[in-house]
């Protein structure tokens, strides 16, 4: 089993996000991604300190996938 460097994966996913959605701000991407955390309803800003790179990557990936689905279904405005 190989270890994934999530810091690199996060940067790559953010670049991919930006290429597909160039009008999204970094804050919009992060906010959208946080909605895919299991503890989103109770998430506080201090929770960032305990958020693992893997959890953040997974949230960004889930958000990106959902935004791509919306784009495919509804088109770009």
Protein backbone atom coordinates (compact mmCIF):
# COMPACT_ATOMS: atom_id res chain seq x y z
CA UNK A 1 0.00 0.00 0.00
CA UNK A 2 1.44 3.34 -0.99
CA UNK A 3 1.08 6.49 1.05
CA UNK A 4 -0.72 9.30 -0.72
CA UNK A 5 0.72 12.76 -0.34
CA UNK A 6 -2.54 14.61 0.20
CA UNK A 7 -0.88 18.03 0.15
CA UNK A 8 0.08 17.48 -3.47
CA UNK A 9 -3.29 15.91 -4.23
CA UNK A 10 -5.10 18.89 -2.68
CA UNK A 11 -3.12 21.33 -4.83
CA UNK A 12 -3.83 19.29 -7.95
CA UNK A 13 -7.54 19.04 -7.16
CA UNK A 14 -7.76 22.79 -6.46
CA UNK A 15 -6.07 23.46 -9.81
CA UNK A 16 -8.51 21.11 -11.52
CA UNK A 17 -11.40 22.87 -9.75
CA UNK A 18 -10.10 26.27 -10.85
CA UNK A 19 -9.74 25.18 -14.48
CA UNK A 20 -13.32 23.93 -14.68
CA UNK A 21 -14.80 26.72 -12.55
CA UNK A 22 -12.54 29.77 -13.06
CA UNK A 23 -15.05 32.18 -11.53
CA UNK A 24 -15.13 30.39 -8.17
CA UNK A 25 -13.07 32.06 -5.48
CA UNK A 26 -10.86 29.98 -3.22
CA UNK A 27 -13.28 30.71 -0.38
CA UNK A 28 -16.22 29.44 -2.43
CA UNK A 29 -14.38 26.21 -3.18
CA UNK A 30 -13.45 25.65 0.46
CA UNK A 31 -16.94 26.48 1.70
CA UNK A 32 -18.48 24.16 -0.87
CA UNK A 33 -16.04 21.44 0.14
CA UNK A 34 -16.70 21.78 3.85
CA UNK A 35 -20.33 20.87 3.21
CA UNK A 36 -19.11 17.35 2.42
CA UNK A 37 -17.51 16.79 5.82
CA UNK A 38 -19.37 14.40 8.07
CA UNK A 39 -19.41 17.00 10.86
CA UNK A 40 -20.41 19.97 8.68
CA UNK A 41 -23.42 20.90 10.80
CA UNK A 42 -21.25 21.33 13.90
CA UNK A 43 -18.02 22.43 12.18
CA UNK A 44 -16.32 25.47 13.70
CA UNK A 45 -13.36 27.43 12.44
CA UNK A 46 -11.12 25.92 15.15
CA UNK A 47 -11.91 22.48 13.66
CA UNK A 48 -9.52 23.33 10.81
CA UNK A 49 -6.65 22.58 13.18
CA UNK A 50 -7.73 18.96 13.55
CA UNK A 51 -8.79 18.41 9.94
CA UNK A 52 -6.45 15.94 8.24
CA UNK A 53 -5.15 16.48 4.73
CA UNK A 54 -6.94 13.30 3.71
CA UNK A 55 -10.28 14.57 5.07
CA UNK A 56 -9.84 17.92 3.34
CA UNK A 57 -8.90 16.24 0.06
CA UNK A 58 -11.93 13.95 0.27
CA UNK A 59 -14.22 16.90 0.91
CA UNK A 60 -12.75 18.85 -2.03
CA UNK A 61 -13.03 15.81 -4.28
CA UNK A 62 -16.67 15.25 -3.29
CA UNK A 63 -17.49 18.90 -3.85
CA UNK A 64 -15.74 18.93 -7.23
CA UNK A 65 -17.60 15.81 -8.34
CA UNK A 66 -20.95 17.32 -7.30
CA UNK A 67 -20.24 20.63 -9.04
CA UNK A 68 -19.24 18.77 -12.22
CA UNK A 69 -22.53 16.83 -12.07
CA UNK A 70 -24.47 20.07 -11.72
CA UNK A 71 -22.59 21.57 -14.65
CA UNK A 72 -23.32 18.52 -16.79
CA UNK A 73 -27.00 18.52 -15.82
CA UNK A 74 -27.75 22.23 -15.91
CA UNK A 75 -25.00 23.82 -17.97
CA UNK A 76 -23.05 26.90 -17.15
CA UNK A 77 -24.87 30.20 -16.52
